[in-house]
Amino acid sequence: MKIAGLVLSCTLTAAAQFRPFEMMHPYAFTNQQGRVLTCQLSAPQFTTPGKKYPIILFLHGSGECGSDNQRQLKCGIFGLLNQLVQQPEPVFVVAPQCGQSNWWVRALAFSPDYRMPEIAPSLDDALALCQHLIETASADADRFYITGLSLGGFATWDALQRYPDRFAAAVPICGGGDVHLAKKIAHVPVWVFHGQDDKNVQPDCSRRMVHAMRGAGAKDARYTEYPRVAHNCWDRAYATPELVPWLLAQKRTTQKRPWWKFW
């Protein structure tokens, strides 16, 4: 399938011609190793030649793992799409699915002593899907955003800490990461969400990351914690009216290094 045809068949428009559940469509491409990578994709319906459009990678939670390329649409994403259709500019939304035995991350960052291990193959594939769209379609590399909930929240931190200069902003929801790498991502705007009464993923996982980023000099590390809310805080998070405009206003910057590190 050619991307031009894909763009015409996958829809996400400011005019909100389609309801959120109608916007996502199966998409697949074969990577350099010959493996077929699949996802659900929403792409701008009509594009202007030469113009680039934002791209959002959405990473689901553990309850949506599988191989049907459908279950990842169960939680959170339609709330995000509801906000996106109200924006003046169309957006690529990429929603891959990881398997039960191939999570987005190799380990969950529950402990302050957590150290990020080698990248999980499923996350590597998800990033490859986005890179494919950046290279072959009209997705904008300077407006590449990542968000995820629960397991996907951990993966959002993981991807951001591995590739801090690839993302314009991140929205990790009820996740956690490696506090020892906070300085590496301090230049990337983040908006973190968590429920105060979350028993699945303790809110300390998010609090530690935000505290570490702010301590490392982050200028835009936002944190929203909902009182009397348990694990599912993503419905409220994605319904936040300010979230999507804030997200789409961010553009990629690279970490500034002291002059002597160039030599």
C-alpha atoms as a PDB file:
ATOM      1  CA  MET A   1       0.000   0.000   0.000  1.00  0.00           C
ATOM      2  CA  LYS A   2       1.363   3.404  -0.928  1.00  0.00           C
ATOM      3  CA  ILE A   3       1.415   6.092   1.729  1.00  0.00           C
ATOM      4  CA  ALA A   4      -0.497   8.469  -0.558  1.00  0.00           C
ATOM      5  CA  GLY A   5      -3.385   6.010  -0.640  1.00  0.00           C
ATOM      6  CA  LEU A   6      -3.060   5.454   3.071  1.00  0.00           C
ATOM      7  CA  VAL A   7      -3.324   9.162   3.802  1.00  0.00           C
ATOM      8  CA  LEU A   8      -6.545   9.350   1.825  1.00  0.00           C
ATOM      9  CA  SER A   9      -8.041   6.340   3.582  1.00  0.00           C
ATOM     10  CA  CYS A  10      -6.983   7.071   7.166  1.00  0.00           C
ATOM     11  CA  THR A  11      -8.678  10.070   8.668  1.00  0.00           C
ATOM     12  CA  LEU A  12      -8.145  12.597  11.418  1.00  0.00           C
ATOM     13  CA  THR A  13      -9.543  16.002  10.525  1.00  0.00           C
ATOM     14  CA  ALA A  14     -10.197  19.202  12.371  1.00  0.00           C
ATOM     15  CA  ALA A  15     -13.669  19.230  10.881  1.00  0.00           C
ATOM     16  CA  ALA A  16     -14.422  16.074  12.898  1.00  0.00           C
ATOM     17  CA  GLN A  17     -16.096  14.353   9.952  1.00  0.00           C
ATOM     18  CA  PHE A  18     -15.599  10.996  11.651  1.00  0.00           C
ATOM     19  CA  ARG A  19     -16.187   9.762  15.150  1.00  0.00           C
ATOM     20  CA  PRO A  20     -13.097   8.587  17.072  1.00  0.00           C
ATOM     21  CA  PHE A  21     -13.810   4.874  16.666  1.00  0.00           C
ATOM     22  CA  GLU A  22     -13.946   5.387  12.891  1.00  0.00           C
ATOM     23  CA  MET A  23     -10.568   7.073  12.654  1.00  0.00           C
ATOM     24  CA  MET A  24      -8.199   4.197  13.284  1.00  0.00           C
ATOM     25  CA  HIS A  25      -7.384   1.729  10.517  1.00  0.00           C
ATOM     26  CA  PRO A  26      -5.043  -1.291  10.349  1.00  0.00           C
ATOM     27  CA  TYR A  27      -1.666  -0.557   8.815  1.00  0.00           C
ATOM     28  CA  ALA A  28       1.424  -2.675   8.212  1.00  0.00           C
ATOM     29  CA  PHE A  29       4.879  -2.360   6.726  1.00  0.00           C
ATOM     30  CA  THR A  30       7.824  -4.693   6.337  1.00  0.00           C
ATOM     31  CA  ASN A  31      11.019  -3.605   8.067  1.00  0.00           C
ATOM     32  CA  GLN A  32      14.584  -4.087   6.831  1.00  0.00           C
ATOM     33  CA  GLN A  33      14.792  -7.461   8.554  1.00  0.00           C
ATOM     34  CA  GLY A  34      11.755  -8.684   6.631  1.00  0.00           C
ATOM     35  CA  ARG A  35       9.378  -8.667   9.594  1.00  0.00           C
ATOM     36  CA  VAL A  36       5.883  -7.276   9.140  1.00  0.00           C
ATOM     37  CA  LEU A  37       5.084  -4.600  11.724  1.00  0.00           C
ATOM     38  CA  THR A  38       1.417  -3.806  12.303  1.00  0.00           C
ATOM     39  CA  CYS A  39      -0.511  -1.096  14.098  1.00  0.00           C
ATOM     40  CA  GLN A  40      -3.697   0.908  14.070  1.00  0.00           C
ATOM     41  CA  LEU A  41      -3.127   4.210  12.322  1.00  0.00           C
ATOM     42  CA  SER A  42      -4.976   7.456  11.833  1.00  0.00           C
ATOM     43  CA  ALA A  43      -3.499   9.802   9.246  1.00  0.00           C
ATOM     44  CA  PRO A  44      -4.525  13.192   7.827  1.00  0.00           C
ATOM     45  CA  GLN A  45      -7.236  12.837   5.214  1.00  0.00           C
ATOM     46  CA  PHE A  46      -6.066  15.691   3.040  1.00  0.00           C
ATOM     47  CA  THR A  47      -2.510  16.984   2.999  1.00  0.00           C
ATOM     48  CA  THR A  48      -0.804  20.005   1.497  1.00  0.00           C
ATOM     49  CA  PRO A  49       2.202  19.089  -0.661  1.00  0.00           C
ATOM     50  CA  GLY A  50       5.414  19.780   1.190  1.00  0.00           C
ATOM     51  CA  LYS A  51       3.699  20.262   4.557  1.00  0.00           C
ATOM     52  CA  LYS A  52       4.572  18.100   7.555  1.00  0.00           C
ATOM     53  CA  TYR A  53       2.080  17.009  10.224  1.00  0.00           C
ATOM     54  CA  PRO A  54       2.519  16.059  13.896  1.00  0.00           C
ATOM     55  CA  ILE A  55       2.805  12.396  14.825  1.00  0.00           C
ATOM     56  CA  ILE A  56       1.768  10.834  18.142  1.00  0.00           C
ATOM     57  CA  LEU A  57       2.821   7.368  19.278  1.00  0.00           C
ATOM     58  CA  PHE A  58       0.262   5.854  21.676  1.00  0.00           C
ATOM     59  CA  LEU A  59       1.351   2.877  23.820  1.00  0.00           C
ATOM     60  CA  HIS A  60      -1.335   0.772  25.481  1.00  0.00           C
ATOM     61  CA  GLY A  61      -1.376  -0.925  28.881  1.00  0.00           C
ATOM     62  CA  SER A  62      -0.835  -4.570  29.842  1.00  0.00           C
ATOM     63  CA  GLY A  63      -4.540  -5.421  29.604  1.00  0.00           C
ATOM     64  CA  GLU A  64      -4.481  -4.677  25.890  1.00  0.00           C
ATOM     65  CA  CYS A  65      -1.540  -6.915  24.960  1.00  0.00           C
ATOM     66  CA  GLY A  66      -2.172  -9.442  22.212  1.00  0.00           C
ATOM     67  CA  SER A  67      -1.872 -10.057  18.509  1.00  0.00           C
ATOM     68  CA  ASP A  68      -5.305  -9.099  17.153  1.00  0.00           C
ATOM     69  CA  ASN A  69      -4.316  -5.488  16.322  1.00  0.00           C
ATOM     70  CA  GLN A  70      -7.578  -4.375  17.919  1.00  0.00           C
ATOM     71  CA  ARG A  71      -7.366  -4.625  21.693  1.00  0.00           C
ATOM     72  CA  GLN A  72      -4.948  -1.682  21.952  1.00  0.00           C
ATOM     73  CA  LEU A  73      -7.892   0.588  21.111  1.00  0.00           C
ATOM     74  CA  LYS A  74      -9.777  -0.471  24.241  1.00  0.00           C
ATOM     75  CA  CYS A  75      -8.479   2.094  26.745  1.00  0.00           C
ATOM     76  CA  GLY A  76      -7.569   5.749  26.573  1.00  0.00           C
ATOM     77  CA  ILE A  77      -6.992   6.375  22.904  1.00  0.00           C
ATOM     78  CA  PHE A  78     -10.508   7.486  22.000  1.00  0.00           C
ATOM     79  CA  GLY A  79     -10.370  10.138  24.707  1.00  0.00           C
ATOM     80  CA  LEU A  80      -7.185  11.403  23.095  1.00  0.00           C
ATOM     81  CA  LEU A  81      -8.793  11.361  19.648  1.00  0.00           C
ATOM     82  CA  ASN A  82     -11.793  13.283  20.977  1.00  0.00           C
ATOM     83  CA  GLN A  83      -9.432  16.124  21.842  1.00  0.00           C
ATOM     84  CA  LEU A  84      -7.419  15.874  18.640  1.00  0.00           C
ATOM     85  CA  VAL A  85     -10.420  16.339  16.342  1.00  0.00           C
ATOM     86  CA  GLN A  86     -11.002  19.731  17.935  1.00  0.00           C
ATOM     87  CA  GLN A  87      -7.589  20.991  16.868  1.00  0.00           C
ATOM     88  CA  PRO A  88      -7.040  23.024  13.689  1.00  0.00           C
ATOM     89  CA  GLU A  89      -4.322  20.743  12.322  1.00  0.00           C
ATOM     90  CA  PRO A  90      -4.633  17.020  11.491  1.00  0.00           C
ATOM     91  CA  VAL A  91      -2.307  14.563  13.212  1.00  0.00           C
ATOM     92  CA  PHE A  92      -0.853  11.108  12.618  1.00  0.00           C
ATOM     93  CA  VAL A  93      -1.728   8.758  15.488  1.00  0.00           C
ATOM     94  CA  VAL A  94       0.137   5.440  15.660  1.00  0.00           C
ATOM     95  CA  ALA A  95      -1.178   2.715  17.996  1.00  0.00           C
ATOM     96  CA  PRO A  96       0.864  -0.511  17.826  1.00  0.00           C
ATOM     97  CA  GLN A  97       0.257  -3.581  19.982  1.00  0.00           C
ATOM     98  CA  CYS A  98       2.752  -5.608  21.970  1.00  0.00           C
ATOM     99  CA  GLY A  99       2.353  -9.283  22.864  1.00  0.00           C
ATOM    100  CA  GLN A 100       1.785 -10.901  26.247  1.00  0.00           C
ATOM    101  CA  SER A 101       5.326 -12.291  26.187  1.00  0.00           C
ATOM    102  CA  ASN A 102       6.915  -9.255  24.541  1.00  0.00           C
ATOM    103  CA  TRP A 103       6.021  -6.194  26.595  1.00  0.00           C
ATOM    104  CA  TRP A 104       7.030  -2.644  25.755  1.00  0.00           C
ATOM    105  CA  VAL A 105       9.681  -2.835  28.483  1.00  0.00           C
ATOM    106  CA  ARG A 106      11.801  -5.657  29.887  1.00  0.00           C
ATOM    107  CA  ALA A 107      11.177  -4.550  33.485  1.00  0.00           C
ATOM    108  CA  LEU A 108       8.881  -2.123  35.304  1.00  0.00           C
ATOM    109  CA  ALA A 109      10.445   0.832  37.097  1.00  0.00           C
ATOM    110  CA  PHE A 110       8.750   0.315  40.460  1.00  0.00           C
ATOM    111  CA  SER A 111      11.883   0.923  42.549  1.00  0.00           C
ATOM    112  CA  PRO A 112      13.983   4.075  42.975  1.00  0.00           C
ATOM    113  CA  ASP A 113      16.979   1.802  42.283  1.00  0.00           C
ATOM    114  CA  TYR A 114      15.659   0.767  38.877  1.00  0.00           C
ATOM    115  CA  ARG A 115      18.178   0.910  36.048  1.00  0.00           C
ATOM    116  CA  MET A 116      16.972   0.873  32.461  1.00  0.00           C
ATOM    117  CA  PRO A 117      17.824  -2.441  30.737  1.00  0.00           C
ATOM    118  CA  GLU A 118      18.223  -3.190  27.040  1.00  0.00           C
ATOM    119  CA  ILE A 119      15.371  -1.997  24.824  1.00  0.00           C
ATOM    120  CA  ALA A 120      12.448  -4.411  24.369  1.00  0.00           C
ATOM    121  CA  PRO A 121      11.922  -5.576  20.765  1.00  0.00           C
ATOM    122  CA  SER A 122       8.273  -4.474  20.761  1.00  0.00           C
ATOM    123  CA  LEU A 123       9.204  -0.895  21.654  1.00  0.00           C
ATOM    124  CA  ASP A 124      11.957  -0.947  19.053  1.00  0.00           C
ATOM    125  CA  ASP A 125       9.363  -2.013  16.470  1.00  0.00           C
ATOM    126  CA  ALA A 126       6.932   0.726  17.532  1.00  0.00           C
ATOM    127  CA  LEU A 127       9.602   3.373  17.072  1.00  0.00           C
ATOM    128  CA  ALA A 128      10.518   1.864  13.698  1.00  0.00           C
ATOM    129  CA  LEU A 129       6.892   2.228  12.580  1.00  0.00           C
ATOM    130  CA  CYS A 130       6.966   5.927  13.436  1.00  0.00           C
ATOM    131  CA  GLN A 131      10.320   6.429  11.758  1.00  0.00           C
ATOM    132  CA  HIS A 132       8.921   4.774   8.639  1.00  0.00           C
ATOM    133  CA  LEU A 133       6.072   7.311   8.534  1.00  0.00           C
ATOM    134  CA  ILE A 134       8.486  10.181   9.104  1.00  0.00           C
ATOM    135  CA  GLU A 135      10.671   9.031   6.230  1.00  0.00           C
ATOM    136  CA  THR A 136       7.969   8.031   3.749  1.00  0.00           C
ATOM    137  CA  ALA A 137       4.888  10.097   4.580  1.00  0.00           C
ATOM    138  CA  SER A 138       4.301  13.650   5.720  1.00  0.00           C
ATOM    139  CA  ALA A 139       4.911  13.056   9.448  1.00  0.00           C
ATOM    140  CA  ASP A 140       7.025  15.750  11.080  1.00  0.00           C
ATOM    141  CA  ALA A 141      10.199  14.576  12.836  1.00  0.00           C
ATOM    142  CA  ASP A 142      10.304  17.818  14.824  1.00  0.00           C
ATOM    143  CA  ARG A 143       6.785  17.230  16.187  1.00  0.00           C
ATOM    144  CA  PHE A 144       7.041  13.617  17.236  1.00  0.00           C
ATOM    145  CA  TYR A 145       5.168  13.011  20.515  1.00  0.00           C
ATOM    146  CA  ILE A 146       4.841   9.946  22.704  1.00  0.00           C
ATOM    147  CA  THR A 147       2.224   8.978  25.279  1.00  0.00           C
ATOM    148  CA  GLY A 148       1.167   5.809  27.009  1.00  0.00           C
ATOM    149  CA  LEU A 149      -0.772   4.496  29.978  1.00  0.00           C
ATOM    150  CA  SER A 150       0.206   2.009  32.688  1.00  0.00           C
ATOM    151  CA  LEU A 151       2.617  -0.407  30.926  1.00  0.00           C
ATOM    152  CA  GLY A 152       2.637   2.146  28.113  1.00  0.00           C
ATOM    153  CA  GLY A 153       3.434   4.852  30.657  1.00  0.00           C
ATOM    154  CA  PHE A 154       6.572   2.976  31.675  1.00  0.00           C
ATOM    155  CA  ALA A 155       7.403   2.556  27.995  1.00  0.00           C
ATOM    156  CA  THR A 156       6.923   6.267  27.372  1.00  0.00           C
ATOM    157  CA  TRP A 157       9.598   7.048  29.934  1.00  0.00           C
ATOM    158  CA  ASP A 158      11.774   4.250  28.548  1.00  0.00           C
ATOM    159  CA  ALA A 159      11.645   5.517  24.953  1.00  0.00           C
ATOM    160  CA  LEU A 160      12.169   9.107  26.036  1.00  0.00           C
ATOM    161  CA  GLN A 161      15.232   8.214  28.105  1.00  0.00           C
ATOM    162  CA  ARG A 162      16.762   6.160  25.295  1.00  0.00           C
ATOM    163  CA  TYR A 163      16.153   8.735  22.567  1.00  0.00           C
ATOM    164  CA  PRO A 164      15.714  12.144  24.241  1.00  0.00           C
ATOM    165  CA  ASP A 165      16.483  14.052  21.053  1.00  0.00           C
ATOM    166  CA  ARG A 166      13.822  12.293  18.982  1.00  0.00           C
ATOM    167  CA  PHE A 167      10.771  13.573  20.852  1.00  0.00           C
ATOM    168  CA  ALA A 168       9.199  17.013  21.040  1.00  0.00           C
ATOM    169  CA  ALA A 169       7.232  16.158  24.218  1.00  0.00           C
ATOM    170  CA  ALA A 170       5.919  13.219  26.234  1.00  0.00           C
ATOM    171  CA  VAL A 171       2.800  12.389  28.250  1.00  0.00           C
ATOM    172  CA  PRO A 172       3.458   9.391  30.544  1.00  0.00           C
ATOM    173  CA  ILE A 173       0.355   8.254  32.447  1.00  0.00           C
ATOM    174  CA  CYS A 174       0.686   6.139  35.619  1.00  0.00           C
ATOM    175  CA  GLY A 175       4.178   4.920  34.724  1.00  0.00           C
ATOM    176  CA  GLY A 176       7.742   5.362  35.894  1.00  0.00           C
ATOM    177  CA  GLY A 177      11.313   5.447  34.684  1.00  0.00           C
ATOM    178  CA  ASP A 178      14.989   5.586  35.589  1.00  0.00           C
ATOM    179  CA  VAL A 179      15.575   8.583  37.853  1.00  0.00           C
ATOM    180  CA  HIS A 180      19.318   8.309  37.218  1.00  0.00           C
ATOM    181  CA  LEU A 181      18.710   9.433  33.615  1.00  0.00           C
ATOM    182  CA  ALA A 182      16.623  12.500  34.468  1.00  0.00           C
ATOM    183  CA  LYS A 183      19.287  14.968  33.354  1.00  0.00           C
ATOM    184  CA  LYS A 184      19.356  13.318  29.938  1.00  0.00           C
ATOM    185  CA  ILE A 185      15.705  14.251  29.318  1.00  0.00           C
ATOM    186  CA  ALA A 186      15.468  17.534  31.222  1.00  0.00           C
ATOM    187  CA  HIS A 187      15.161  19.536  27.993  1.00  0.00           C
ATOM    188  CA  VAL A 188      12.051  17.612  26.838  1.00  0.00           C
ATOM    189  CA  PRO A 189       8.638  18.965  27.968  1.00  0.00           C
ATOM    190  CA  VAL A 190       6.597  16.346  29.830  1.00  0.00           C
ATOM    191  CA  TRP A 191       3.144  16.312  31.357  1.00  0.00           C
ATOM    192  CA  VAL A 192       2.795  13.429  33.786  1.00  0.00           C
ATOM    193  CA  PHE A 193      -0.503  12.100  35.179  1.00  0.00           C
ATOM    194  CA  HIS A 194      -1.242   9.710  38.038  1.00  0.00           C
ATOM    195  CA  GLY A 195      -4.076   8.768  40.398  1.00  0.00           C
ATOM    196  CA  GLN A 196      -3.417   9.342  44.071  1.00  0.00           C
ATOM    197  CA  ASP A 197      -5.048   6.038  45.057  1.00  0.00           C
ATOM    198  CA  ASP A 198      -3.387   3.912  42.359  1.00  0.00           C
ATOM    199  CA  LYS A 199      -2.574   0.498  43.844  1.00  0.00           C
ATOM    200  CA  ASN A 200      -1.339  -1.029  40.558  1.00  0.00           C
ATOM    201  CA  VAL A 201       1.394   1.544  40.019  1.00  0.00           C
ATOM    202  CA  GLN A 202       2.210   3.624  43.060  1.00  0.00           C
ATOM    203  CA  PRO A 203       2.108   7.384  42.385  1.00  0.00           C
ATOM    204  CA  ASP A 204       5.639   7.601  43.773  1.00  0.00           C
ATOM    205  CA  CYS A 205       6.780   6.183  40.413  1.00  0.00           C
ATOM    206  CA  SER A 206       5.629   9.364  38.671  1.00  0.00           C
ATOM    207  CA  ARG A 207       6.491  11.690  41.540  1.00  0.00           C
ATOM    208  CA  ARG A 208      10.110  10.487  41.553  1.00  0.00           C
ATOM    209  CA  MET A 209      10.525  11.110  37.840  1.00  0.00           C
ATOM    210  CA  VAL A 210       9.072  14.619  37.946  1.00  0.00           C
ATOM    211  CA  HIS A 211      11.125  15.484  41.027  1.00  0.00           C
ATOM    212  CA  ALA A 212      14.279  14.168  39.362  1.00  0.00           C
ATOM    213  CA  MET A 213      13.621  16.097  36.158  1.00  0.00           C
ATOM    214  CA  ARG A 214      12.969  19.332  38.005  1.00  0.00           C
ATOM    215  CA  GLY A 215      16.104  18.745  40.046  1.00  0.00           C
ATOM    216  CA  ALA A 216      18.010  18.308  36.780  1.00  0.00           C
ATOM    217  CA  GLY A 217      16.833  21.714  35.556  1.00  0.00           C
ATOM    218  CA  ALA A 218      13.721  20.835  33.552  1.00  0.00           C
ATOM    219  CA  LYS A 219      11.805  23.959  32.554  1.00  0.00           C
ATOM    220  CA  ASP A 220       8.544  22.196  31.713  1.00  0.00           C
ATOM    221  CA  ALA A 221       7.938  19.087  33.804  1.00  0.00           C
ATOM    222  CA  ARG A 222       4.238  19.192  34.655  1.00  0.00           C
ATOM    223  CA  TYR A 223       2.547  16.860  37.083  1.00  0.00           C
ATOM    224  CA  THR A 224      -1.156  16.254  37.672  1.00  0.00           C
ATOM    225  CA  GLU A 225      -2.183  13.874  40.442  1.00  0.00           C
ATOM    226  CA  TYR A 226      -5.874  13.169  40.886  1.00  0.00           C
ATOM    227  CA  PRO A 227      -7.165  12.799  44.474  1.00  0.00           C
ATOM    228  CA  ARG A 228      -9.375   9.758  45.115  1.00  0.00           C
ATOM    229  CA  VAL A 229      -8.553   8.303  41.683  1.00  0.00           C
ATOM    230  CA  ALA A 230      -7.143   4.787  41.319  1.00  0.00           C
ATOM    231  CA  HIS A 231      -5.312   3.255  38.366  1.00  0.00           C
ATOM    232  CA  ASN A 232      -7.523   4.553  35.574  1.00  0.00           C
ATOM    233  CA  CYS A 233      -6.572   8.189  35.496  1.00  0.00           C
ATOM    234  CA  TRP A 234      -6.098   8.181  31.716  1.00  0.00           C
ATOM    235  CA  ASP A 235      -9.734   9.011  30.939  1.00  0.00           C
ATOM    236  CA  ARG A 236      -9.437  12.221  32.959  1.00  0.00           C
ATOM    237  CA  ALA A 237      -5.939  12.923  31.680  1.00  0.00           C
ATOM    238  CA  TYR A 238      -6.798  12.718  27.973  1.00  0.00           C
ATOM    239  CA  ALA A 239      -9.970  14.749  28.596  1.00  0.00           C
ATOM    240  CA  THR A 240      -7.908  17.649  30.004  1.00  0.00           C
ATOM    241  CA  PRO A 241      -8.753  20.530  27.622  1.00  0.00           C
ATOM    242  CA  GLU A 242      -5.293  22.093  27.881  1.00  0.00           C
ATOM    243  CA  LEU A 243      -3.345  18.891  27.250  1.00  0.00           C
ATOM    244  CA  VAL A 244      -3.516  18.486  23.466  1.00  0.00           C
ATOM    245  CA  PRO A 245      -2.973  22.195  22.638  1.00  0.00           C
ATOM    246  CA  TRP A 246       0.036  22.168  24.964  1.00  0.00           C
ATOM    247  CA  LEU A 247       1.358  18.970  23.383  1.00  0.00           C
ATOM    248  CA  LEU A 248       1.014  20.122  19.781  1.00  0.00           C
ATOM    249  CA  ALA A 249       2.669  23.451  20.581  1.00  0.00           C
ATOM    250  CA  GLN A 250       5.952  21.703  21.430  1.00  0.00           C
ATOM    251  CA  LYS A 251       8.775  21.316  18.909  1.00  0.00           C
ATOM    252  CA  ARG A 252      11.836  19.158  19.189  1.00  0.00           C
ATOM    253  CA  THR A 253      14.924  20.658  20.740  1.00  0.00           C
ATOM    254  CA  THR A 254      18.232  18.989  21.432  1.00  0.00           C
ATOM    255  CA  GLN A 255      20.076  19.052  24.711  1.00  0.00           C
ATOM    256  CA  LYS A 256      22.582  21.876  24.855  1.00  0.00           C
ATOM    257  CA  ARG A 257      26.078  20.746  25.685  1.00  0.00           C
ATOM    258  CA  PRO A 258      28.925  22.859  27.116  1.00  0.00           C
ATOM    259  CA  TRP A 259      31.258  24.082  24.393  1.00  0.00           C
ATOM    260  CA  TRP A 260      34.122  21.929  25.653  1.00  0.00           C
ATOM    261  CA  LYS A 261      32.158  18.736  24.954  1.00  0.00           C
ATOM    262  CA  PHE A 262      32.322  19.478  21.249  1.00  0.00           C
ATOM    263  CA  TRP A 263      36.086  18.961  21.286  1.00  0.00           C
END
